[in-house]
């Protein structure tokens, strides 16, 4: 059931366009340091340019996935949690136990799951970062209903042997965890669920 729904979920494809939407410019914004790194480091907080690079790379794992990109971007202990995705996976028949659980519990599981899917539209609308967090507000411009969401990525300095990471300087960064939520009702409507389809336009 999971693989069947995911295949349908990721069947609407368009090109990825980073950081742009007509009338809505959103330059990266550095908020400031909060929180420790998971595995410890003397590195400085992630910079706004590096946060932008991490966000762009993450968007490409949705819109133009390659295994090489994902290996480089995510830590070996990467996890992904989204009740929105879990709702799509288990609908119909969603149970309370389906919510709050990890969508991908490891980097290996993510590589296997995401690698089997065609791309979906993904445009970054806004971007913020703290010391070890990159917050991405995004649009998946599907039809007939656009879907907006927010993904919160915990980042840490890249560790040797884990793919390399991304960064504009000597310090490279990777994502160790993603928490994301989006309009799953609109997404279900786009997948053809009749209770979630938009109402007919009755305007004369």
C-alpha atoms as a PDB file:
ATOM      1  CA  UNK A   1       0.000   0.000   0.000  1.00  0.00           C
ATOM      2  CA  UNK A   2       2.812   2.398   0.935  1.00  0.00           C
ATOM      3  CA  UNK A   3       4.693   1.990  -2.331  1.00  0.00           C
ATOM      4  CA  UNK A   4       1.477   2.228  -4.371  1.00  0.00           C
ATOM      5  CA  UNK A   5       0.401   5.509  -2.785  1.00  0.00           C
ATOM      6  CA  UNK A   6       3.896   6.965  -2.933  1.00  0.00           C
ATOM      7  CA  UNK A   7       4.062   6.171  -6.631  1.00  0.00           C
ATOM      8  CA  UNK A   8       0.826   8.090  -7.169  1.00  0.00           C
ATOM      9  CA  UNK A   9       1.921  10.833  -4.797  1.00  0.00           C
ATOM     10  CA  UNK A  10       5.020  11.619  -6.817  1.00  0.00           C
ATOM     11  CA  UNK A  11       3.495  11.398 -10.281  1.00  0.00           C
ATOM     12  CA  UNK A  12       3.051  15.131 -11.013  1.00  0.00           C
ATOM     13  CA  UNK A  13       6.327  16.518 -12.401  1.00  0.00           C
ATOM     14  CA  UNK A  14       7.590  19.967 -13.384  1.00  0.00           C
ATOM     15  CA  UNK A  15      10.981  21.666 -13.248  1.00  0.00           C
ATOM     16  CA  UNK A  16      12.409  22.974  -9.964  1.00  0.00           C
ATOM     17  CA  UNK A  17      12.787  26.757  -9.635  1.00  0.00           C
ATOM     18  CA  UNK A  18      14.659  27.900  -6.510  1.00  0.00           C
ATOM     19  CA  UNK A  19      13.707  30.985  -4.468  1.00  0.00           C
ATOM     20  CA  UNK A  20      11.470  32.672  -7.035  1.00  0.00           C
ATOM     21  CA  UNK A  21       7.800  33.364  -7.364  1.00  0.00           C
ATOM     22  CA  UNK A  22       6.423  36.342  -9.287  1.00  0.00           C
ATOM     23  CA  UNK A  23       5.783  39.187  -6.860  1.00  0.00           C
ATOM     24  CA  UNK A  24       7.185  37.277  -3.885  1.00  0.00           C
ATOM     25  CA  UNK A  25      10.970  37.708  -3.643  1.00  0.00           C
ATOM     26  CA  UNK A  26      12.379  35.920  -0.595  1.00  0.00           C
ATOM     27  CA  UNK A  27      16.114  36.350   0.002  1.00  0.00           C
ATOM     28  CA  UNK A  28      17.706  34.044   2.594  1.00  0.00           C
ATOM     29  CA  UNK A  29      17.557  35.389   6.140  1.00  0.00           C
ATOM     30  CA  UNK A  30      19.920  34.426   8.944  1.00  0.00           C
ATOM     31  CA  UNK A  31      18.143  34.478  12.291  1.00  0.00           C
ATOM     32  CA  UNK A  32      20.877  33.530  14.748  1.00  0.00           C
ATOM     33  CA  UNK A  33      22.237  30.665  16.831  1.00  0.00           C
ATOM     34  CA  UNK A  34      20.047  28.307  18.801  1.00  0.00           C
ATOM     35  CA  UNK A  35      20.602  24.775  20.020  1.00  0.00           C
ATOM     36  CA  UNK A  36      23.537  22.339  20.089  1.00  0.00           C
ATOM     37  CA  UNK A  37      24.655  20.032  17.316  1.00  0.00           C
ATOM     38  CA  UNK A  38      23.622  16.394  17.679  1.00  0.00           C
ATOM     39  CA  UNK A  39      27.107  14.888  17.479  1.00  0.00           C
ATOM     40  CA  UNK A  40      29.166  17.797  18.700  1.00  0.00           C
ATOM     41  CA  UNK A  41      31.366  20.218  16.801  1.00  0.00           C
ATOM     42  CA  UNK A  42      33.466  23.316  17.257  1.00  0.00           C
ATOM     43  CA  UNK A  43      32.241  24.657  13.922  1.00  0.00           C
ATOM     44  CA  UNK A  44      30.487  27.985  13.696  1.00  0.00           C
ATOM     45  CA  UNK A  45      26.760  28.175  12.993  1.00  0.00           C
ATOM     46  CA  UNK A  46      25.602  27.596   9.447  1.00  0.00           C
ATOM     47  CA  UNK A  47      25.791  30.756   7.355  1.00  0.00           C
ATOM     48  CA  UNK A  48      22.943  32.164   5.265  1.00  0.00           C
ATOM     49  CA  UNK A  49      24.683  31.215   1.967  1.00  0.00           C
ATOM     50  CA  UNK A  50      25.231  27.652   3.196  1.00  0.00           C
ATOM     51  CA  UNK A  51      21.620  27.457   4.416  1.00  0.00           C
ATOM     52  CA  UNK A  52      20.523  28.549   0.942  1.00  0.00           C
ATOM     53  CA  UNK A  53      22.685  25.833  -0.625  1.00  0.00           C
ATOM     54  CA  UNK A  54      21.280  23.191   1.734  1.00  0.00           C
ATOM     55  CA  UNK A  55      17.703  24.292   0.951  1.00  0.00           C
ATOM     56  CA  UNK A  56      18.331  24.226  -2.799  1.00  0.00           C
ATOM     57  CA  UNK A  57      19.885  20.768  -2.550  1.00  0.00           C
ATOM     58  CA  UNK A  58      16.948  19.512  -0.499  1.00  0.00           C
ATOM     59  CA  UNK A  59      14.506  20.845  -3.078  1.00  0.00           C
ATOM     60  CA  UNK A  60      16.341  18.951  -5.781  1.00  0.00           C
ATOM     61  CA  UNK A  61      15.885  15.668  -3.894  1.00  0.00           C
ATOM     62  CA  UNK A  62      12.139  16.239  -4.415  1.00  0.00           C
ATOM     63  CA  UNK A  63      12.094  17.682  -7.922  1.00  0.00           C
ATOM     64  CA  UNK A  64      15.150  16.114  -9.579  1.00  0.00           C
ATOM     65  CA  UNK A  65      16.376  13.267  -7.377  1.00  0.00           C
ATOM     66  CA  UNK A  66      19.689  11.519  -7.822  1.00  0.00           C
ATOM     67  CA  UNK A  67      21.180   9.071  -5.352  1.00  0.00           C
ATOM     68  CA  UNK A  68      24.536  10.870  -5.492  1.00  0.00           C
ATOM     69  CA  UNK A  69      22.853  14.099  -4.371  1.00  0.00           C
ATOM     70  CA  UNK A  70      21.013  12.401  -1.498  1.00  0.00           C
ATOM     71  CA  UNK A  71      24.134  10.552  -0.332  1.00  0.00           C
ATOM     72  CA  UNK A  72      26.014  13.848  -0.205  1.00  0.00           C
ATOM     73  CA  UNK A  73      23.214  15.789   1.516  1.00  0.00           C
ATOM     74  CA  UNK A  74      22.023  13.509   4.336  1.00  0.00           C
ATOM     75  CA  UNK A  75      23.868  12.130   7.360  1.00  0.00           C
ATOM     76  CA  UNK A  76      24.032   8.389   7.975  1.00  0.00           C
ATOM     77  CA  UNK A  77      21.577   8.736  10.891  1.00  0.00           C
ATOM     78  CA  UNK A  78      19.079  10.791   8.848  1.00  0.00           C
ATOM     79  CA  UNK A  79      15.364  10.599   9.717  1.00  0.00           C
ATOM     80  CA  UNK A  80      12.249  12.096   8.103  1.00  0.00           C
ATOM     81  CA  UNK A  81       8.909  12.630   9.851  1.00  0.00           C
ATOM     82  CA  UNK A  82       5.734  14.006   8.279  1.00  0.00           C
ATOM     83  CA  UNK A  83       2.182  13.281   9.370  1.00  0.00           C
ATOM     84  CA  UNK A  84       1.093  14.783   6.042  1.00  0.00           C
ATOM     85  CA  UNK A  85       2.990  12.109   4.113  1.00  0.00           C
ATOM     86  CA  UNK A  86       1.900   9.417   6.580  1.00  0.00           C
ATOM     87  CA  UNK A  87      -1.713  10.475   5.959  1.00  0.00           C
ATOM     88  CA  UNK A  88      -1.267  10.033   2.204  1.00  0.00           C
ATOM     89  CA  UNK A  89       0.398   6.657   2.676  1.00  0.00           C
ATOM     90  CA  UNK A  90      -2.325   5.245   4.928  1.00  0.00           C
ATOM     91  CA  UNK A  91      -5.430   6.894   3.420  1.00  0.00           C
ATOM     92  CA  UNK A  92      -8.041   5.414   3.290  1.00  0.00           C
ATOM     93  CA  UNK A  93      -7.992   3.684   6.634  1.00  0.00           C
ATOM     94  CA  UNK A  94      -5.789   6.137   8.526  1.00  0.00           C
ATOM     95  CA  UNK A  95      -5.288   5.121  12.163  1.00  0.00           C
ATOM     96  CA  UNK A  96      -4.068   7.163  15.124  1.00  0.00           C
ATOM     97  CA  UNK A  97      -1.030   4.881  15.317  1.00  0.00           C
ATOM     98  CA  UNK A  98      -0.036   5.961  11.788  1.00  0.00           C
ATOM     99  CA  UNK A  99       0.547   9.520  12.991  1.00  0.00           C
ATOM    100  CA  UNK A 100       3.627  10.734  14.809  1.00  0.00           C
ATOM    101  CA  UNK A 101       5.812   7.944  13.462  1.00  0.00           C
ATOM    102  CA  UNK A 102       8.866   8.345  11.260  1.00  0.00           C
ATOM    103  CA  UNK A 103       8.222   8.384   7.523  1.00  0.00           C
ATOM    104  CA  UNK A 104      11.822   7.356   6.815  1.00  0.00           C
ATOM    105  CA  UNK A 105      13.804   5.991   9.757  1.00  0.00           C
ATOM    106  CA  UNK A 106      17.203   5.900   8.052  1.00  0.00           C
ATOM    107  CA  UNK A 107      19.215   7.256   5.162  1.00  0.00           C
ATOM    108  CA  UNK A 108      19.121   3.826   3.499  1.00  0.00           C
ATOM    109  CA  UNK A 109      15.312   3.748   3.692  1.00  0.00           C
ATOM    110  CA  UNK A 110      15.067   7.251   2.233  1.00  0.00           C
ATOM    111  CA  UNK A 111      17.385   6.394  -0.655  1.00  0.00           C
ATOM    112  CA  UNK A 112      15.319   3.325  -1.503  1.00  0.00           C
ATOM    113  CA  UNK A 113      11.957   5.097  -1.224  1.00  0.00           C
ATOM    114  CA  UNK A 114      12.740   8.413  -2.868  1.00  0.00           C
ATOM    115  CA  UNK A 115      14.876   6.880  -5.578  1.00  0.00           C
ATOM    116  CA  UNK A 116      11.902   4.939  -6.936  1.00  0.00           C
ATOM    117  CA  UNK A 117       9.716   8.028  -7.419  1.00  0.00           C
ATOM    118  CA  UNK A 118       9.357  10.451 -10.339  1.00  0.00           C
ATOM    119  CA  UNK A 119       9.772  14.144  -9.439  1.00  0.00           C
ATOM    120  CA  UNK A 120       7.178  16.598  -8.172  1.00  0.00           C
ATOM    121  CA  UNK A 121       7.118  20.399  -8.459  1.00  0.00           C
ATOM    122  CA  UNK A 122       8.970  22.164  -5.673  1.00  0.00           C
ATOM    123  CA  UNK A 123       9.545  25.928  -5.420  1.00  0.00           C
ATOM    124  CA  UNK A 124      11.063  27.612  -2.373  1.00  0.00           C
ATOM    125  CA  UNK A 125       8.928  30.572  -1.277  1.00  0.00           C
ATOM    126  CA  UNK A 126      10.771  31.608   1.907  1.00  0.00           C
ATOM    127  CA  UNK A 127      13.918  30.542   3.695  1.00  0.00           C
ATOM    128  CA  UNK A 128      15.133  31.152   7.250  1.00  0.00           C
ATOM    129  CA  UNK A 129      17.882  29.631   9.336  1.00  0.00           C
ATOM    130  CA  UNK A 130      19.078  29.428  12.923  1.00  0.00           C
ATOM    131  CA  UNK A 131      22.425  28.025  14.030  1.00  0.00           C
ATOM    132  CA  UNK A 132      21.583  24.399  13.203  1.00  0.00           C
ATOM    133  CA  UNK A 133      18.193  24.624  11.489  1.00  0.00           C
ATOM    134  CA  UNK A 134      17.101  25.513   7.960  1.00  0.00           C
ATOM    135  CA  UNK A 135      13.394  26.329   7.597  1.00  0.00           C
ATOM    136  CA  UNK A 136      11.904  26.109   4.104  1.00  0.00           C
ATOM    137  CA  UNK A 137       8.431  27.308   3.131  1.00  0.00           C
ATOM    138  CA  UNK A 138       7.620  25.832  -0.268  1.00  0.00           C
ATOM    139  CA  UNK A 139       5.045  25.467  -3.026  1.00  0.00           C
ATOM    140  CA  UNK A 140       4.248  22.375  -5.053  1.00  0.00           C
ATOM    141  CA  UNK A 141       2.336  23.914  -7.955  1.00  0.00           C
ATOM    142  CA  UNK A 142       0.126  20.956  -8.790  1.00  0.00           C
ATOM    143  CA  UNK A 143      -3.206  20.829 -10.627  1.00  0.00           C
ATOM    144  CA  UNK A 144      -5.971  21.523  -9.907  1.00  0.00           C
ATOM    145  CA  UNK A 145      -4.880  22.465  -6.372  1.00  0.00           C
ATOM    146  CA  UNK A 146      -1.526  24.027  -5.394  1.00  0.00           C
ATOM    147  CA  UNK A 147       0.026  22.630  -2.242  1.00  0.00           C
ATOM    148  CA  UNK A 148       2.047  24.667   0.256  1.00  0.00           C
ATOM    149  CA  UNK A 149       4.146  23.283   3.068  1.00  0.00           C
ATOM    150  CA  UNK A 150       6.995  23.848   5.499  1.00  0.00           C
ATOM    151  CA  UNK A 151      10.061  21.636   5.942  1.00  0.00           C
ATOM    152  CA  UNK A 152      12.360  22.090   8.939  1.00  0.00           C
ATOM    153  CA  UNK A 153      15.823  20.629   8.431  1.00  0.00           C
ATOM    154  CA  UNK A 154      18.237  20.026  11.296  1.00  0.00           C
ATOM    155  CA  UNK A 155      21.776  20.449   9.984  1.00  0.00           C
ATOM    156  CA  UNK A 156      25.196  19.562  11.330  1.00  0.00           C
ATOM    157  CA  UNK A 157      28.787  19.684  10.111  1.00  0.00           C
ATOM    158  CA  UNK A 158      29.489  16.874   7.665  1.00  0.00           C
ATOM    159  CA  UNK A 159      31.254  13.880   9.180  1.00  0.00           C
ATOM    160  CA  UNK A 160      34.009  11.934   7.371  1.00  0.00           C
ATOM    161  CA  UNK A 161      32.759   9.064   5.249  1.00  0.00           C
ATOM    162  CA  UNK A 162      29.114  10.171   5.162  1.00  0.00           C
ATOM    163  CA  UNK A 163      28.891  11.715   1.695  1.00  0.00           C
ATOM    164  CA  UNK A 164      30.711  15.016   1.901  1.00  0.00           C
ATOM    165  CA  UNK A 165      27.952  17.568   2.526  1.00  0.00           C
ATOM    166  CA  UNK A 166      27.453  21.003   0.987  1.00  0.00           C
ATOM    167  CA  UNK A 167      28.970  24.381   1.763  1.00  0.00           C
ATOM    168  CA  UNK A 168      30.349  27.471   0.075  1.00  0.00           C
ATOM    169  CA  UNK A 169      33.646  27.238   2.006  1.00  0.00           C
ATOM    170  CA  UNK A 170      35.757  24.624   3.721  1.00  0.00           C
ATOM    171  CA  UNK A 171      33.002  23.792   6.218  1.00  0.00           C
ATOM    172  CA  UNK A 172      30.414  21.432   4.724  1.00  0.00           C
ATOM    173  CA  UNK A 173      26.957  20.706   6.117  1.00  0.00           C
ATOM    174  CA  UNK A 174      24.458  17.835   5.986  1.00  0.00           C
ATOM    175  CA  UNK A 175      20.838  17.322   7.009  1.00  0.00           C
ATOM    176  CA  UNK A 176      20.345  14.908   9.905  1.00  0.00           C
ATOM    177  CA  UNK A 177      16.563  15.242  10.264  1.00  0.00           C
ATOM    178  CA  UNK A 178      13.564  16.646   8.436  1.00  0.00           C
ATOM    179  CA  UNK A 179      10.169  17.452   9.947  1.00  0.00           C
ATOM    180  CA  UNK A 180       7.640  18.575   7.331  1.00  0.00           C
ATOM    181  CA  UNK A 181       3.927  19.261   7.046  1.00  0.00           C
ATOM    182  CA  UNK A 182       1.788  20.391   4.100  1.00  0.00           C
ATOM    183  CA  UNK A 183      -1.805  20.515   2.851  1.00  0.00           C
ATOM    184  CA  UNK A 184      -2.451  16.784   2.516  1.00  0.00           C
ATOM    185  CA  UNK A 185      -6.148  17.428   1.792  1.00  0.00           C
ATOM    186  CA  UNK A 186      -5.279  19.350  -1.370  1.00  0.00           C
ATOM    187  CA  UNK A 187      -2.749  16.675  -2.336  1.00  0.00           C
ATOM    188  CA  UNK A 188      -5.361  13.946  -1.904  1.00  0.00           C
ATOM    189  CA  UNK A 189      -7.719  15.965  -4.099  1.00  0.00           C
ATOM    190  CA  UNK A 190      -5.066  16.056  -6.810  1.00  0.00           C
ATOM    191  CA  UNK A 191      -4.729  12.287  -6.485  1.00  0.00           C
ATOM    192  CA  UNK A 192      -8.443  11.882  -7.186  1.00  0.00           C
ATOM    193  CA  UNK A 193      -9.971  11.300  -3.764  1.00  0.00           C
ATOM    194  CA  UNK A 194     -13.575  12.519  -4.331  1.00  0.00           C
ATOM    195  CA  UNK A 195     -14.050  13.914  -0.811  1.00  0.00           C
ATOM    196  CA  UNK A 196     -11.013  16.164  -1.338  1.00  0.00           C
ATOM    197  CA  UNK A 197     -11.691  17.390  -4.866  1.00  0.00           C
ATOM    198  CA  UNK A 198     -12.318  21.127  -5.321  1.00  0.00           C
ATOM    199  CA  UNK A 199     -15.904  22.237  -5.743  1.00  0.00           C
ATOM    200  CA  UNK A 200     -17.097  23.035  -9.239  1.00  0.00           C
ATOM    201  CA  UNK A 201     -16.902  26.710 -10.202  1.00  0.00           C
ATOM    202  CA  UNK A 202     -20.480  28.005 -10.115  1.00  0.00           C
ATOM    203  CA  UNK A 203     -19.633  31.597 -11.012  1.00  0.00           C
ATOM    204  CA  UNK A 204     -21.862  32.848 -13.820  1.00  0.00           C
END
